């Protein structure tokens, strides 16, 4: 049943996490928003032999750290950072080398409605290459356009701005996907 599988998973995660805390002197807390399973697999392969990636339930990771505080009180500094979709990368290697491997695996991803914008996005004045039937996307966002040679042209720069930590709406995500803009960076 689901409860039995969960109990087995939770009993496996906590001792393994505590063992990794004992075995590895250094670790990263990494954010894993917009990271697919294929990208995670690639990251694990690139880190093989240099680092270990552990993703898990935040409550279980906090519980494992609290259970380990008597051995290593400095771990308490990690607790406030365990929020959202995070994981740990444990290593004995140089931190900059491991960080560079993680950054090398950043991949652009398409904007999705409801996703949080990781960087500020501005649509420049440009010829979009889209046909006139797509004007509704621009009208919904209040972007000034004209039809030139059978394609939509954006007249004013900065018609759509998505600020950092702002959620993409349905109209913004449709527009960015139609313009083939990949602004969300899937990162670990």
Protein backbone atom coordinates (compact mmCIF):
# COMPACT_ATOMS: atom_id res chain seq x y z
CA UNK A 1 0.00 0.00 0.00
CA UNK A 2 0.97 3.65 -0.25
CA UNK A 3 1.54 4.01 3.50
CA UNK A 4 3.85 0.99 3.61
CA UNK A 5 5.93 2.28 0.68
CA UNK A 6 6.14 5.69 2.34
CA UNK A 7 7.28 4.15 5.64
CA UNK A 8 9.98 2.13 3.85
CA UNK A 9 11.14 5.23 1.96
CA UNK A 10 11.27 7.38 5.09
CA UNK A 11 13.18 4.76 7.11
CA UNK A 12 15.68 4.50 4.23
CA UNK A 13 16.16 8.26 3.72
CA UNK A 14 16.97 9.33 7.27
CA UNK A 15 19.90 6.93 7.97
CA UNK A 16 21.33 7.49 4.48
CA UNK A 17 21.15 11.26 4.91
CA UNK A 18 22.83 11.04 8.33
CA UNK A 19 25.52 8.76 6.86
CA UNK A 20 26.20 11.30 4.10
CA UNK A 21 26.44 14.07 6.72
CA UNK A 22 29.09 11.97 8.50
CA UNK A 23 31.04 10.91 5.41
CA UNK A 24 31.21 14.19 3.49
CA UNK A 25 32.70 17.36 5.00
CA UNK A 26 31.17 19.74 2.41
CA UNK A 27 27.74 20.11 0.87
CA UNK A 28 25.65 22.40 -1.31
CA UNK A 29 21.97 23.05 -0.86
CA UNK A 30 20.63 23.23 -4.40
CA UNK A 31 17.33 24.47 -5.78
CA UNK A 32 15.79 22.08 -8.29
CA UNK A 33 12.90 24.06 -9.80
CA UNK A 34 12.05 23.27 -13.44
CA UNK A 35 14.47 20.32 -13.50
CA UNK A 36 13.27 17.24 -15.35
CA UNK A 37 14.25 13.65 -14.63
CA UNK A 38 16.51 13.45 -17.71
CA UNK A 39 18.38 16.59 -16.62
CA UNK A 40 18.70 15.23 -13.06
CA UNK A 41 20.11 11.98 -14.46
CA UNK A 42 22.67 13.95 -16.51
CA UNK A 43 23.67 15.92 -13.43
CA UNK A 44 24.13 12.74 -11.38
CA UNK A 45 26.26 11.23 -14.17
CA UNK A 46 28.48 14.31 -14.42
CA UNK A 47 29.00 14.32 -10.64
CA UNK A 48 29.70 10.59 -10.36
CA UNK A 49 32.86 9.99 -8.36
CA UNK A 50 33.01 13.62 -7.24
CA UNK A 51 29.75 14.19 -5.39
CA UNK A 52 26.49 12.58 -4.28
CA UNK A 53 23.09 14.17 -4.94
CA UNK A 54 20.29 13.54 -2.45
CA UNK A 55 16.76 14.79 -3.01
CA UNK A 56 14.08 14.08 -0.46
CA UNK A 57 11.25 15.35 1.65
CA UNK A 58 12.11 18.60 3.41
CA UNK A 59 10.57 17.47 6.69
CA UNK A 60 12.64 14.28 6.66
CA UNK A 61 15.85 16.18 5.84
CA UNK A 62 15.13 18.61 8.70
CA UNK A 63 14.39 15.70 11.04
CA UNK A 64 17.65 13.96 10.05
CA UNK A 65 19.63 17.16 10.64
CA UNK A 66 17.97 17.74 14.03
CA UNK A 67 18.82 14.16 14.99
CA UNK A 68 22.43 14.82 14.00
CA UNK A 69 22.84 18.16 15.83
CA UNK A 70 24.41 16.58 18.93
CA UNK A 71 27.30 15.28 16.79
CA UNK A 72 27.64 18.45 14.72
CA UNK A 73 25.89 21.58 16.11
CA UNK A 74 26.97 23.72 13.12
CA UNK A 75 24.41 21.87 10.95
CA UNK A 76 21.68 24.00 12.52
CA UNK A 77 22.61 26.75 10.03
CA UNK A 78 21.25 24.56 7.21
CA UNK A 79 17.71 24.31 8.61
CA UNK A 80 16.35 27.70 7.44
CA UNK A 81 17.54 26.99 3.87
CA UNK A 82 15.49 23.81 3.46
CA UNK A 83 12.48 25.39 1.76
CA UNK A 84 10.84 24.62 -1.56
CA UNK A 85 12.24 22.14 -4.04
CA UNK A 86 15.75 21.66 -2.66
CA UNK A 87 18.29 18.88 -2.41
CA UNK A 88 21.80 18.32 -1.13
CA UNK A 89 25.00 17.73 -3.06
CA UNK A 90 27.63 16.15 -0.79
CA UNK A 91 31.29 16.24 -1.80
CA UNK A 92 34.88 15.82 -0.65
CA UNK A 93 36.19 17.65 -3.73
CA UNK A 94 36.83 21.34 -4.33
CA UNK A 95 33.53 23.24 -4.07
CA UNK A 96 34.21 25.46 -7.09
CA UNK A 97 34.83 22.43 -9.31
CA UNK A 98 31.56 20.81 -8.24
CA UNK A 99 29.69 24.12 -8.60
CA UNK A 100 31.06 24.50 -12.14
CA UNK A 101 29.79 21.01 -13.00
CA UNK A 102 26.36 21.94 -11.65
CA UNK A 103 26.29 25.22 -13.59
CA UNK A 104 27.37 23.43 -16.78
CA UNK A 105 24.12 21.46 -16.60
CA UNK A 106 21.80 24.48 -16.69
CA UNK A 107 19.32 24.06 -19.53
CA UNK A 108 16.81 26.61 -20.88
CA UNK A 109 13.20 25.56 -20.45
CA UNK A 110 9.95 26.89 -21.84
CA UNK A 111 7.79 29.22 -19.75
CA UNK A 112 4.85 27.49 -18.09
CA UNK A 113 1.77 29.16 -16.65
CA UNK A 114 2.13 29.41 -12.88
CA UNK A 115 5.92 28.96 -12.93
CA UNK A 116 8.05 31.56 -11.19
CA UNK A 117 10.23 33.74 -13.42
CA UNK A 118 13.88 33.18 -12.37
CA UNK A 119 15.12 36.30 -14.15
CA UNK A 120 13.67 39.55 -15.44
CA UNK A 121 12.22 39.08 -18.92
CA UNK A 122 11.49 41.91 -21.36
CA UNK A 123 10.12 41.43 -24.86
CA UNK A 124 12.04 43.74 -27.26
CA UNK A 125 10.56 45.64 -30.20
CA UNK A 126 10.92 43.12 -33.03
CA UNK A 127 9.29 41.34 -35.93
CA UNK A 128 7.88 38.20 -34.32
CA UNK A 129 7.47 36.11 -37.45
CA UNK A 130 3.98 35.15 -36.20
CA UNK A 131 0.97 35.40 -38.47
CA UNK A 132 -1.86 37.90 -37.94
CA UNK A 133 -4.06 35.22 -36.32
CA UNK A 134 -1.88 35.44 -33.17
CA UNK A 135 -2.69 39.10 -32.40
CA UNK A 136 -4.94 38.06 -29.50
CA UNK A 137 -1.86 37.13 -27.39
CA UNK A 138 -0.47 40.62 -27.79
CA UNK A 139 -3.82 42.34 -27.23
CA UNK A 140 -4.38 40.39 -24.00
CA UNK A 141 -1.06 41.71 -22.69
CA UNK A 142 -1.55 45.27 -23.94
CA UNK A 143 1.40 45.18 -26.36
CA UNK A 144 1.35 47.69 -29.22
CA UNK A 145 1.75 45.85 -32.53
CA UNK A 146 1.27 46.30 -36.24
CA UNK A 147 1.03 43.81 -39.06
CA UNK A 148 3.90 44.25 -41.48
CA UNK A 149 4.34 41.99 -44.55
CA UNK A 150 1.98 39.39 -43.13
CA UNK A 151 3.66 39.10 -39.73
CA UNK A 152 3.15 40.77 -36.36
CA UNK A 153 5.70 43.39 -35.38
CA UNK A 154 6.07 44.62 -31.78
CA UNK A 155 6.39 48.40 -31.84
CA UNK A 156 7.33 49.31 -28.26
CA UNK A 157 10.12 47.65 -26.30
CA UNK A 158 9.20 46.27 -22.90
CA UNK A 159 5.55 45.53 -23.53
CA UNK A 160 5.74 42.46 -21.31
CA UNK A 161 7.90 42.44 -18.24
CA UNK A 162 8.12 39.51 -15.89
CA UNK A 163 10.09 40.36 -12.79
CA UNK A 164 12.07 37.90 -10.72
CA UNK A 165 9.79 35.82 -8.45
CA UNK A 166 6.72 36.88 -10.48
CA UNK A 167 4.47 34.03 -11.61
CA UNK A 168 4.02 33.61 -15.35
CA UNK A 169 0.38 33.98 -16.37
CA UNK A 170 -1.22 31.93 -19.12
CA UNK A 171 -0.94 34.80 -21.62
CA UNK A 172 2.75 35.41 -20.86
CA UNK A 173 3.64 31.73 -21.14
CA UNK A 174 1.76 31.41 -24.45
CA UNK A 175 3.47 34.51 -25.81
CA UNK A 176 6.97 33.39 -24.79
CA UNK A 177 6.39 29.92 -26.20
CA UNK A 178 5.09 31.38 -29.48
CA UNK A 179 8.14 33.64 -29.67
CA UNK A 180 10.29 30.59 -28.83
CA UNK A 181 11.80 32.40 -25.86
CA UNK A 182 13.25 30.05 -23.30
CA UNK A 183 13.70 32.29 -20.29
CA UNK A 184 13.20 29.82 -17.48
CA UNK A 185 16.52 28.22 -16.71
CA UNK A 186 16.18 24.75 -15.23
CA UNK A 187 18.93 24.78 -12.65
CA UNK A 188 20.27 22.79 -9.81
